[in-house]
C-alpha cells in the first residue's frame, strides 16, 4: 500500500491504518509460511542425503536448514519487539 494517503484522520484514516497493518501482517505471514515450507523440504532432503552418504548435498542442506531457522528466529524476535513497542 502507498505510504501517502488522502485519508489522514478520522474514521477513514483509521481504516487506512488498519488496512495497511493487515497488509503488512499478511505479507509477513506469507514470508514465514514460505520459510517453513523451505525448512521442511530442506530437512527431508538432508535426511535423504545422509542416507545416501552424499556429504556435499547434506552440508548444503544443513546450511539451508540453519539459515531458515535463523530467519524464523529473527522474525520472532522482531515481532516480539514490535509487540513491546505497541504496548
Protein backbone atom coordinates (compact mmCIF):
# COMPACT_ATOMS: atom_id res chain seq x y z
CA UNK A 1 0.00 0.00 0.00
CA UNK A 2 1.09 3.55 -0.51
CA UNK A 3 2.54 5.39 2.45
CA UNK A 4 0.79 8.59 1.34
CA UNK A 5 -2.93 8.65 1.71
CA UNK A 6 -5.70 11.08 1.03
CA UNK A 7 -7.30 9.95 4.29
CA UNK A 8 -5.08 11.02 7.17
CA UNK A 9 -7.50 11.49 10.03
CA UNK A 10 -10.90 10.44 11.24
CA UNK A 11 -12.66 7.19 10.54
CA UNK A 12 -11.17 6.82 7.06
CA UNK A 13 -7.67 7.49 8.37
CA UNK A 14 -8.13 4.75 10.97
CA UNK A 15 -9.48 2.37 8.35
CA UNK A 16 -6.49 3.13 6.14
CA UNK A 17 -4.09 2.39 9.01
CA UNK A 18 -5.88 -0.86 9.82
CA UNK A 19 -5.77 -1.90 6.15
CA UNK A 20 -2.04 -1.14 5.99
CA UNK A 21 -1.41 -3.12 9.20
CA UNK A 22 -3.41 -6.03 7.81
CA UNK A 23 -1.42 -5.95 4.57
CA UNK A 24 1.89 -5.92 6.43
CA UNK A 25 0.82 -8.79 8.69
CA UNK A 26 -0.40 -10.79 5.71
CA UNK A 27 2.88 -10.23 3.87
CA UNK A 28 4.92 -11.25 6.91
CA UNK A 29 2.77 -14.34 7.46
CA UNK A 30 3.25 -15.39 3.84
CA UNK A 31 7.02 -14.96 4.08
CA UNK A 32 7.14 -17.02 7.28
CA UNK A 33 4.96 -19.72 5.70
CA UNK A 34 7.31 -19.95 2.71
CA UNK A 35 10.28 -20.17 5.06
CA UNK A 36 8.69 -23.04 6.99
CA UNK A 37 7.96 -24.87 3.72
CA UNK A 38 11.59 -24.43 2.64
CA UNK A 39 12.73 -25.65 6.05
CA UNK A 40 10.67 -28.85 5.92
CA UNK A 41 11.78 -29.55 2.35
CA UNK A 42 15.43 -28.99 3.24
CA UNK A 43 15.13 -31.27 6.28
CA UNK A 44 13.73 -34.08 4.11
CA UNK A 45 16.47 -33.56 1.52
CA UNK A 46 19.10 -33.51 4.27
CA UNK A 47 17.89 -36.86 5.66
CA UNK A 48 17.91 -38.35 2.16
CA UNK A 49 21.44 -37.08 1.53
CA UNK A 50 22.64 -38.56 4.84
CA UNK A 51 21.11 -41.94 3.98
CA UNK A 52 22.78 -41.85 0.56
CA UNK A 53 26.15 -40.76 2.03
CA UNK A 54 26.08 -37.61 -0.12
CA UNK A 55 28.16 -35.37 2.11
CA UNK A 56 28.19 -32.36 -0.23
CA UNK A 57 24.40 -32.20 -0.53
CA UNK A 58 24.00 -32.94 3.18
CA UNK A 59 26.25 -29.98 4.07
CA UNK A 60 24.40 -27.66 1.69
CA UNK A 61 21.05 -28.70 3.15
CA UNK A 62 22.38 -28.35 6.71
CA UNK A 63 23.36 -24.75 5.92
CA UNK A 64 19.96 -24.14 4.30
CA UNK A 65 18.22 -25.51 7.40
CA UNK A 66 20.33 -23.29 9.63
CA UNK A 67 19.52 -20.23 7.50
CA UNK A 68 15.78 -20.95 7.64
CA UNK A 69 15.87 -21.40 11.41
CA UNK A 70 17.81 -18.17 11.87
CA UNK A 71 15.34 -16.34 9.64
CA UNK A 72 12.40 -17.60 11.68
CA UNK A 73 14.17 -16.73 14.93
CA UNK A 74 14.95 -13.21 13.66
CA UNK A 75 11.33 -12.72 12.63
CA UNK A 76 10.06 -13.94 16.01
CA UNK A 77 12.41 -11.55 17.83
CA UNK A 78 11.34 -8.70 15.55
CA UNK A 79 7.66 -9.37 16.20
CA UNK A 80 8.32 -9.59 19.94
CA UNK A 81 10.00 -6.17 19.83
CA UNK A 82 7.11 -4.71 17.81
CA UNK A 83 4.67 -6.06 20.42
CA UNK A 84 6.72 -4.42 23.19
CA UNK A 85 6.72 -1.08 21.35
CA UNK A 86 2.95 -1.21 20.75
CA UNK A 87 2.14 -1.79 24.43
